[in-house]
Amino acid sequence: RAEEAPPPKAEEPQALQEFNASLVRVNEKSPFGWAIDMLNPGALYIESLGSYASTAADRYNESAPAGEDIRPGDYITRVNGASGSAQQLGELLTASSQPQVTIQRPSAYVASLSKGDKPLGVDLNFTTKGRSLYIVGVREGAVREQAPEVS
């Protein structure tokens, strides 16, 4: 009889990659060229980039150093050196025609869980229009037991 293989172990989270990007808009009403999700309390999540040229993000990406282009899935963690809530970061961003933003790449890893009859044990925040969800907290359950690095 063949034995069932154990589930794969969780991959180690990747090291965080962070860099600064100086953006230039024609004026404070010019678009940045991205769609932002504000679910994360301390960062702005770049949900998507526009497909039109001449936005601040597009112009930055044209001359960005290798590996430091702005991508969907990145987070803006500081604006002009200031950190704060997603709301505060958004206000700082829109008030400036030449903001410097700190971009942080997401840290991704894979964990396989066997839920069984236990709850997953995660509190989530999401919107029906967004493409992401934010883990607000981890309680007793499969995630805490089998993937403690998620906390």
N, C-alpha and C. Protein backbone atom coordinates (compact mmCIF):
# COMPACT_ATOMS: atom_id res chain seq x y z
N ARG A 1 0.85 -1.17 0.00
CA ARG A 1 0.00 0.00 0.00
C ARG A 1 0.89 1.23 0.00
N ALA A 2 0.56 2.16 -0.84
CA ALA A 2 1.35 3.39 -0.95
C ALA A 2 1.00 4.34 0.19
N GLU A 3 2.05 4.91 0.78
CA GLU A 3 1.81 5.87 1.85
C GLU A 3 1.59 7.25 1.25
N GLU A 4 0.72 7.98 1.92
CA GLU A 4 0.44 9.34 1.47
C GLU A 4 1.62 10.24 1.80
N ALA A 5 2.03 11.04 0.83
CA ALA A 5 3.15 11.96 1.04
C ALA A 5 2.73 13.07 2.00
N PRO A 6 3.64 13.49 2.87
CA PRO A 6 3.30 14.59 3.78
C PRO A 6 3.13 15.88 2.98
N PRO A 7 2.31 16.79 3.50
CA PRO A 7 2.14 18.05 2.78
C PRO A 7 3.46 18.80 2.72
N PRO A 8 3.67 19.58 1.66
CA PRO A 8 4.93 20.33 1.57
C PRO A 8 5.04 21.34 2.70
N LYS A 9 6.28 21.57 3.14
CA LYS A 9 6.50 22.56 4.19
C LYS A 9 6.34 23.95 3.60
N ALA A 10 5.98 24.87 4.45
CA ALA A 10 5.83 26.26 4.00
C ALA A 10 7.18 26.78 3.54
N GLU A 11 7.14 27.52 2.46
CA GLU A 11 8.36 28.16 1.97
C GLU A 11 8.70 29.32 2.90
N GLU A 12 9.99 29.59 3.02
CA GLU A 12 10.41 30.74 3.82
C GLU A 12 9.99 32.03 3.13
N PRO A 13 9.49 33.01 3.89
CA PRO A 13 9.17 34.29 3.26
C PRO A 13 10.40 34.91 2.62
N GLN A 14 10.19 35.59 1.51
CA GLN A 14 11.28 36.25 0.81
C GLN A 14 11.74 37.47 1.61
N ALA A 15 13.00 37.84 1.44
CA ALA A 15 13.50 39.06 2.08
C ALA A 15 12.79 40.26 1.47
N LEU A 16 12.48 41.23 2.31
CA LEU A 16 11.79 42.42 1.82
C LEU A 16 12.71 43.24 0.93
N GLN A 17 12.18 43.68 -0.18
CA GLN A 17 12.92 44.57 -1.07
C GLN A 17 12.22 45.91 -1.04
N GLU A 18 13.00 46.96 -0.80
CA GLU A 18 12.44 48.29 -0.68
C GLU A 18 13.31 49.28 -1.45
N PHE A 19 12.70 50.27 -2.09
CA PHE A 19 13.46 51.29 -2.80
C PHE A 19 12.62 52.57 -2.86
N ASN A 20 13.28 53.67 -3.16
CA ASN A 20 12.61 54.96 -3.29
C ASN A 20 12.42 55.29 -4.76
N ALA A 21 11.30 55.90 -5.06
CA ALA A 21 10.98 56.32 -6.43
C ALA A 21 10.54 57.77 -6.40
N SER A 22 11.17 58.59 -7.22
CA SER A 22 10.79 60.00 -7.33
C SER A 22 9.85 60.15 -8.52
N LEU A 23 8.64 60.58 -8.24
CA LEU A 23 7.62 60.72 -9.27
C LEU A 23 7.43 62.18 -9.63
N VAL A 24 7.08 62.43 -10.87
CA VAL A 24 6.84 63.80 -11.32
C VAL A 24 5.50 63.83 -12.06
N ARG A 25 4.60 64.67 -11.56
CA ARG A 25 3.32 64.91 -12.25
C ARG A 25 3.35 66.33 -12.81
N VAL A 26 2.64 66.54 -13.88
CA VAL A 26 2.57 67.87 -14.49
C VAL A 26 2.01 68.87 -13.47
N ASN A 27 0.98 68.46 -12.74
CA ASN A 27 0.41 69.26 -11.66
C ASN A 27 -0.26 68.32 -10.66
N GLU A 28 -0.80 68.86 -9.59
CA GLU A 28 -1.38 68.02 -8.54
C GLU A 28 -2.65 67.29 -8.95
N LYS A 29 -3.19 67.60 -10.11
CA LYS A 29 -4.38 66.91 -10.59
C LYS A 29 -4.06 65.84 -11.64
N SER A 30 -2.83 65.78 -12.08
CA SER A 30 -2.42 64.78 -13.07
C SER A 30 -2.45 63.39 -12.45
N PRO A 31 -2.83 62.37 -13.22
CA PRO A 31 -2.91 61.01 -12.66
C PRO A 31 -1.53 60.41 -12.39
N PHE A 32 -1.51 59.55 -11.38
CA PHE A 32 -0.28 58.79 -11.11
C PHE A 32 -0.16 57.61 -12.06
N GLY A 33 -1.29 57.07 -12.50
CA GLY A 33 -1.26 55.95 -13.43
C GLY A 33 -1.41 54.60 -12.76
N TRP A 34 -2.05 54.59 -11.60
CA TRP A 34 -2.26 53.33 -10.89
C TRP A 34 -3.61 53.35 -10.19
N ALA A 35 -4.08 52.17 -9.84
CA ALA A 35 -5.26 52.02 -8.98
C ALA A 35 -4.74 51.57 -7.62
N ILE A 36 -5.21 52.23 -6.57
CA ILE A 36 -4.73 51.98 -5.21
C ILE A 36 -5.82 51.33 -4.38
N ASP A 37 -5.43 50.37 -3.56
CA ASP A 37 -6.31 49.73 -2.58
C ASP A 37 -5.82 50.18 -1.21
N MET A 38 -6.73 50.62 -0.34
CA MET A 38 -6.34 51.16 0.96
C MET A 38 -6.70 50.22 2.11
N LEU A 39 -6.77 48.91 1.88
CA LEU A 39 -7.13 47.97 2.94
C LEU A 39 -6.06 47.84 4.02
N ASN A 40 -4.81 47.87 3.64
CA ASN A 40 -3.71 47.73 4.60
C ASN A 40 -3.66 49.02 5.42
N PRO A 41 -3.72 48.94 6.74
CA PRO A 41 -3.79 50.16 7.53
C PRO A 41 -2.56 51.06 7.44
N GLY A 42 -1.40 50.53 7.10
CA GLY A 42 -0.19 51.34 7.09
C GLY A 42 0.51 51.44 5.76
N ALA A 43 -0.21 51.16 4.67
CA ALA A 43 0.42 51.21 3.34
C ALA A 43 -0.66 51.34 2.28
N LEU A 44 -0.24 51.77 1.11
CA LEU A 44 -1.11 51.82 -0.06
C LEU A 44 -0.71 50.66 -0.97
N TYR A 45 -1.67 49.85 -1.38
CA TYR A 45 -1.41 48.70 -2.23
C TYR A 45 -1.67 49.10 -3.68
N ILE A 46 -0.68 48.91 -4.54
CA ILE A 46 -0.84 49.22 -5.96
C ILE A 46 -1.52 48.02 -6.62
N GLU A 47 -2.80 48.20 -6.88
CA GLU A 47 -3.61 47.12 -7.42
C GLU A 47 -3.34 46.88 -8.90
N SER A 48 -3.18 47.96 -9.65
CA SER A 48 -2.91 47.85 -11.08
C SER A 48 -2.27 49.13 -11.59
N LEU A 49 -1.62 49.01 -12.74
CA LEU A 49 -1.06 50.17 -13.42
C LEU A 49 -1.87 50.42 -14.68
N GLY A 50 -2.07 51.69 -15.01
CA GLY A 50 -2.81 52.05 -16.20
C GLY A 50 -2.03 51.69 -17.46
N SER A 51 -2.74 51.57 -18.55
CA SER A 51 -2.09 51.21 -19.81
C SER A 51 -1.85 52.43 -20.69
N TYR A 52 -1.97 53.61 -20.12
CA TYR A 52 -1.75 54.81 -20.92
C TYR A 52 -0.42 55.45 -20.54
N ALA A 53 0.20 56.09 -21.52
CA ALA A 53 1.52 56.71 -21.32
C ALA A 53 1.38 58.08 -20.67
N SER A 54 2.51 58.62 -20.27
CA SER A 54 2.62 59.97 -19.75
C SER A 54 2.05 60.17 -18.35
N THR A 55 1.88 59.09 -17.59
CA THR A 55 1.52 59.26 -16.19
C THR A 55 2.82 59.25 -15.38
N ALA A 56 2.72 59.66 -14.13
CA ALA A 56 3.92 59.72 -13.29
C ALA A 56 4.57 58.34 -13.15
N ALA A 57 3.77 57.30 -12.95
CA ALA A 57 4.33 55.95 -12.81
C ALA A 57 4.96 55.48 -14.11
N ASP A 58 4.31 55.75 -15.22
CA ASP A 58 4.84 55.35 -16.53
C ASP A 58 6.17 56.03 -16.81
N ARG A 59 6.24 57.33 -16.55
CA ARG A 59 7.50 58.06 -16.79
C ARG A 59 8.60 57.56 -15.86
N TYR A 60 8.26 57.29 -14.60
CA TYR A 60 9.27 56.75 -13.68
C TYR A 60 9.77 55.40 -14.19
N ASN A 61 8.86 54.51 -14.56
CA ASN A 61 9.25 53.16 -14.99
C ASN A 61 10.12 53.16 -16.24
N GLU A 62 9.94 54.14 -17.12
CA GLU A 62 10.74 54.20 -18.35
C GLU A 62 12.24 54.34 -18.05
N SER A 63 12.58 54.99 -16.95
CA SER A 63 14.00 55.21 -16.64
C SER A 63 14.41 54.61 -15.29
N ALA A 64 13.59 53.74 -14.74
CA ALA A 64 13.89 53.15 -13.43
C ALA A 64 15.10 52.23 -13.50
N PRO A 65 15.90 52.20 -12.42
CA PRO A 65 16.99 51.22 -12.36
C PRO A 65 16.43 49.79 -12.46
N ALA A 66 17.24 48.89 -12.94
CA ALA A 66 16.82 47.49 -13.09
C ALA A 66 16.26 46.96 -11.77
N GLY A 67 15.09 46.37 -11.82
CA GLY A 67 14.47 45.77 -10.65
C GLY A 67 13.79 46.76 -9.73
N GLU A 68 13.81 48.05 -10.09
CA GLU A 68 13.17 49.06 -9.25
C GLU A 68 12.03 49.76 -9.97
N ASP A 69 11.39 49.04 -10.87
CA ASP A 69 10.20 49.57 -11.52
C ASP A 69 9.01 49.36 -10.59
N ILE A 70 8.01 50.21 -10.73
CA ILE A 70 6.79 50.09 -9.93
C ILE A 70 5.90 49.07 -10.62
N ARG A 71 5.38 48.11 -9.82
CA ARG A 71 4.60 47.00 -10.37
C ARG A 71 3.29 46.83 -9.60
N PRO A 72 2.28 46.25 -10.26
CA PRO A 72 1.10 45.86 -9.50
C PRO A 72 1.51 44.89 -8.39
N GLY A 73 0.93 45.05 -7.22
CA GLY A 73 1.27 44.20 -6.09
C GLY A 73 2.25 44.86 -5.13
N ASP A 74 2.89 45.95 -5.56
CA ASP A 74 3.80 46.68 -4.67
C ASP A 74 3.01 47.47 -3.64
N TYR A 75 3.70 47.86 -2.58
CA TYR A 75 3.13 48.69 -1.53
C TYR A 75 3.87 50.02 -1.47
N ILE A 76 3.15 51.09 -1.24
CA ILE A 76 3.76 52.39 -0.93
C ILE A 76 3.71 52.51 0.59
N THR A 77 4.89 52.55 1.22
CA THR A 77 4.95 52.56 2.68
C THR A 77 5.29 53.94 3.26
N ARG A 78 5.86 54.82 2.44
CA ARG A 78 6.18 56.18 2.88
C ARG A 78 6.01 57.13 1.70
N VAL A 79 5.60 58.34 2.01
CA VAL A 79 5.50 59.40 1.01
C VAL A 79 6.29 60.59 1.54
N ASN A 80 7.26 61.04 0.76
CA ASN A 80 8.15 62.14 1.16
C ASN A 80 8.77 61.88 2.54
N GLY A 81 9.11 60.62 2.79
CA GLY A 81 9.78 60.23 4.03
C GLY A 81 8.85 59.99 5.21
N ALA A 82 7.56 60.27 5.06
CA ALA A 82 6.62 60.13 6.17
C ALA A 82 5.84 58.82 6.04
N SER A 83 5.69 58.12 7.15
CA SER A 83 4.82 56.94 7.19
C SER A 83 3.53 57.35 7.89
N GLY A 84 2.54 56.51 7.83
CA GLY A 84 1.26 56.81 8.47
C GLY A 84 0.20 55.83 8.02
N SER A 85 -1.04 56.19 8.28
CA SER A 85 -2.15 55.34 7.85
C SER A 85 -2.29 55.42 6.34
N ALA A 86 -3.02 54.48 5.78
CA ALA A 86 -3.26 54.51 4.33
C ALA A 86 -3.93 55.82 3.94
N GLN A 87 -4.84 56.29 4.76
CA GLN A 87 -5.52 57.57 4.49
C GLN A 87 -4.51 58.72 4.46
N GLN A 88 -3.62 58.77 5.47
CA GLN A 88 -2.61 59.84 5.52
C GLN A 88 -1.66 59.76 4.33
N LEU A 89 -1.22 58.55 3.98
CA LEU A 89 -0.33 58.39 2.84
C LEU A 89 -1.01 58.86 1.55
N GLY A 90 -2.27 58.51 1.40
CA GLY A 90 -3.02 58.94 0.22
C GLY A 90 -3.13 60.45 0.13
N GLU A 91 -3.36 61.10 1.27
CA GLU A 91 -3.45 62.56 1.29
C GLU A 91 -2.11 63.21 0.95
N LEU A 92 -1.02 62.67 1.52
CA LEU A 92 0.31 63.20 1.21
C LEU A 92 0.63 63.04 -0.28
N LEU A 93 0.25 61.91 -0.82
CA LEU A 93 0.53 61.61 -2.22
C LEU A 93 -0.21 62.58 -3.15
N THR A 94 -1.49 62.76 -2.91
CA THR A 94 -2.27 63.61 -3.82
C THR A 94 -1.95 65.09 -3.65
N ALA A 95 -1.37 65.49 -2.53
CA ALA A 95 -1.05 66.90 -2.30
C ALA A 95 0.26 67.33 -2.95
N SER A 96 1.01 66.39 -3.50
CA SER A 96 2.33 66.71 -4.04
C SER A 96 2.39 66.43 -5.54
N SER A 97 3.01 67.34 -6.28
CA SER A 97 3.19 67.09 -7.71
C SER A 97 4.49 66.34 -7.98
N GLN A 98 5.41 66.31 -6.99
CA GLN A 98 6.68 65.59 -7.15
C GLN A 98 7.00 64.77 -5.90
N PRO A 99 6.14 63.82 -5.57
CA PRO A 99 6.40 63.04 -4.35
C PRO A 99 7.52 62.02 -4.52
N GLN A 100 8.19 61.75 -3.41
CA GLN A 100 9.12 60.62 -3.37
C GLN A 100 8.40 59.55 -2.56
N VAL A 101 8.26 58.37 -3.14
CA VAL A 101 7.56 57.28 -2.46
C VAL A 101 8.53 56.14 -2.18
N THR A 102 8.31 55.48 -1.06
CA THR A 102 9.07 54.28 -0.75
C THR A 102 8.20 53.10 -1.16
N ILE A 103 8.74 52.30 -2.06
CA ILE A 103 8.04 51.13 -2.60
C ILE A 103 8.58 49.89 -1.92
N GLN A 104 7.68 49.03 -1.49
CA GLN A 104 8.08 47.75 -0.90
C GLN A 104 7.43 46.64 -1.71
N ARG A 105 8.26 45.71 -2.16
CA ARG A 105 7.74 44.53 -2.86
C ARG A 105 7.02 43.65 -1.84
N PRO A 106 6.00 42.93 -2.29
CA PRO A 106 5.32 42.02 -1.36
C PRO A 106 6.22 40.84 -0.99
N SER A 107 6.01 40.33 0.19
CA SER A 107 6.71 39.13 0.63
C SER A 107 5.74 37.96 0.44
N ALA A 108 6.07 37.07 -0.48
CA ALA A 108 5.16 35.97 -0.81
C ALA A 108 5.76 34.63 -0.41
N TYR A 109 4.91 33.76 0.07
CA TYR A 109 5.31 32.38 0.34
C TYR A 109 4.08 31.51 0.26
N VAL A 110 4.30 30.22 0.18
CA VAL A 110 3.20 29.27 0.02
C VAL A 110 3.14 28.37 1.25
N ALA A 111 1.94 28.16 1.74
CA ALA A 111 1.73 27.25 2.86
C ALA A 111 0.54 26.36 2.52
N SER A 112 0.69 25.06 2.66
CA SER A 112 -0.42 24.13 2.45
C SER A 112 -1.02 23.81 3.80
N LEU A 113 -2.33 23.92 3.89
CA LEU A 113 -3.03 23.68 5.15
C LEU A 113 -3.99 22.52 5.01
N SER A 114 -4.15 21.79 6.09
CA SER A 114 -5.18 20.77 6.17
C SER A 114 -6.17 21.26 7.23
N LYS A 115 -7.28 21.80 6.79
CA LYS A 115 -8.23 22.44 7.69
C LYS A 115 -8.98 21.43 8.55
N GLY A 116 -9.37 20.32 7.97
CA GLY A 116 -10.17 19.36 8.72
C GLY A 116 -11.44 20.01 9.23
N ASP A 117 -11.80 19.73 10.48
CA ASP A 117 -13.02 20.33 11.03
C ASP A 117 -12.72 21.59 11.85
N LYS A 118 -11.49 22.06 11.81
CA LYS A 118 -11.10 23.26 12.55
C LYS A 118 -11.39 24.51 11.72
N PRO A 119 -11.56 25.62 12.38
CA PRO A 119 -11.65 26.87 11.61
C PRO A 119 -10.27 27.26 11.09
N LEU A 120 -10.24 28.06 10.03
CA LEU A 120 -8.95 28.57 9.56
C LEU A 120 -8.33 29.47 10.61
N GLY A 121 -9.15 30.28 11.26
CA GLY A 121 -8.65 31.14 12.33
C GLY A 121 -8.04 32.44 11.84
N VAL A 122 -8.60 33.01 10.78
CA VAL A 122 -8.09 34.30 10.30
C VAL A 122 -9.24 35.31 10.21
N ASP A 123 -8.93 36.54 10.55
CA ASP A 123 -9.86 37.65 10.37
C ASP A 123 -9.39 38.40 9.13
N LEU A 124 -10.30 38.61 8.19
CA LEU A 124 -9.94 39.21 6.91
C LEU A 124 -10.66 40.53 6.69
N ASN A 125 -10.01 41.41 5.94
CA ASN A 125 -10.61 42.66 5.51
C ASN A 125 -10.51 42.67 3.98
N PHE A 126 -11.61 42.98 3.31
CA PHE A 126 -11.61 43.01 1.85
C PHE A 126 -12.77 43.86 1.38
N THR A 127 -12.73 44.23 0.12
CA THR A 127 -13.86 44.94 -0.49
C THR A 127 -14.36 44.11 -1.66
N THR A 128 -15.60 44.30 -2.00
CA THR A 128 -16.17 43.55 -3.12
C THR A 128 -15.61 44.03 -4.46
N LYS A 129 -15.09 45.26 -4.51
CA LYS A 129 -14.54 45.79 -5.75
C LYS A 129 -13.04 45.53 -5.89
N GLY A 130 -12.36 45.24 -4.79
CA GLY A 130 -10.91 45.07 -4.82
C GLY A 130 -10.49 43.69 -5.28
N ARG A 131 -9.19 43.54 -5.47
CA ARG A 131 -8.63 42.25 -5.88
C ARG A 131 -7.74 41.66 -4.80
N SER A 132 -7.78 42.22 -3.62
CA SER A 132 -6.91 41.74 -2.56
C SER A 132 -7.71 41.56 -1.28
N LEU A 133 -7.10 40.85 -0.36
CA LEU A 133 -7.65 40.78 0.99
C LEU A 133 -6.51 40.94 1.96
N TYR A 134 -6.83 41.45 3.13
CA TYR A 134 -5.83 41.76 4.13
C TYR A 134 -6.10 40.92 5.36
N ILE A 135 -5.09 40.21 5.85
CA ILE A 135 -5.24 39.42 7.07
C ILE A 135 -5.09 40.36 8.24
N VAL A 136 -6.20 40.61 8.93
CA VAL A 136 -6.23 41.54 10.06
C VAL A 136 -5.67 40.88 11.31
N GLY A 137 -6.00 39.60 11.49
CA GLY A 137 -5.53 38.89 12.68
C GLY A 137 -5.58 37.39 12.48
N VAL A 138 -4.83 36.70 13.33
CA VAL A 138 -4.79 35.24 13.30
C VAL A 138 -5.18 34.74 14.69
N ARG A 139 -6.18 33.86 14.74
CA ARG A 139 -6.66 33.28 16.00
C ARG A 139 -6.35 31.78 16.01
N GLU A 140 -6.87 31.10 17.01
CA GLU A 140 -6.72 29.64 17.07
C GLU A 140 -7.32 29.02 15.82
N GLY A 141 -6.61 28.06 15.26
CA GLY A 141 -7.11 27.39 14.08
C GLY A 141 -5.98 26.84 13.24
N ALA A 142 -6.32 26.39 12.05
CA ALA A 142 -5.37 25.71 11.16
C ALA A 142 -4.20 26.61 10.77
N VAL A 143 -4.44 27.89 10.52
CA VAL A 143 -3.35 28.77 10.10
C VAL A 143 -2.33 28.93 11.21
N ARG A 144 -2.78 29.19 12.43
CA ARG A 144 -1.83 29.37 13.54
C ARG A 144 -1.04 28.09 13.80
N GLU A 145 -1.69 26.93 13.69
CA GLU A 145 -1.02 25.66 13.97
C GLU A 145 -0.05 25.25 12.86
N GLN A 146 -0.44 25.44 11.60
CA GLN A 146 0.34 24.90 10.50
C GLN A 146 1.17 25.93 9.73
N ALA A 147 0.88 27.19 9.93
CA ALA A 147 1.63 28.25 9.24
C ALA A 147 1.82 29.44 10.20
N PRO A 148 2.55 29.24 11.29
CA PRO A 148 2.68 30.30 12.29
C PRO A 148 3.34 31.57 11.76
N GLU A 149 4.09 31.45 10.67
CA GLU A 149 4.74 32.64 10.10
C GLU A 149 3.74 33.65 9.55
N VAL A 150 2.48 33.25 9.37
CA VAL A 150 1.46 34.16 8.87
C VAL A 150 1.13 35.24 9.89
N SER A 151 1.26 34.92 11.15
CA SER A 151 0.90 35.91 12.18
C SER A 151 1.75 37.13 12.03
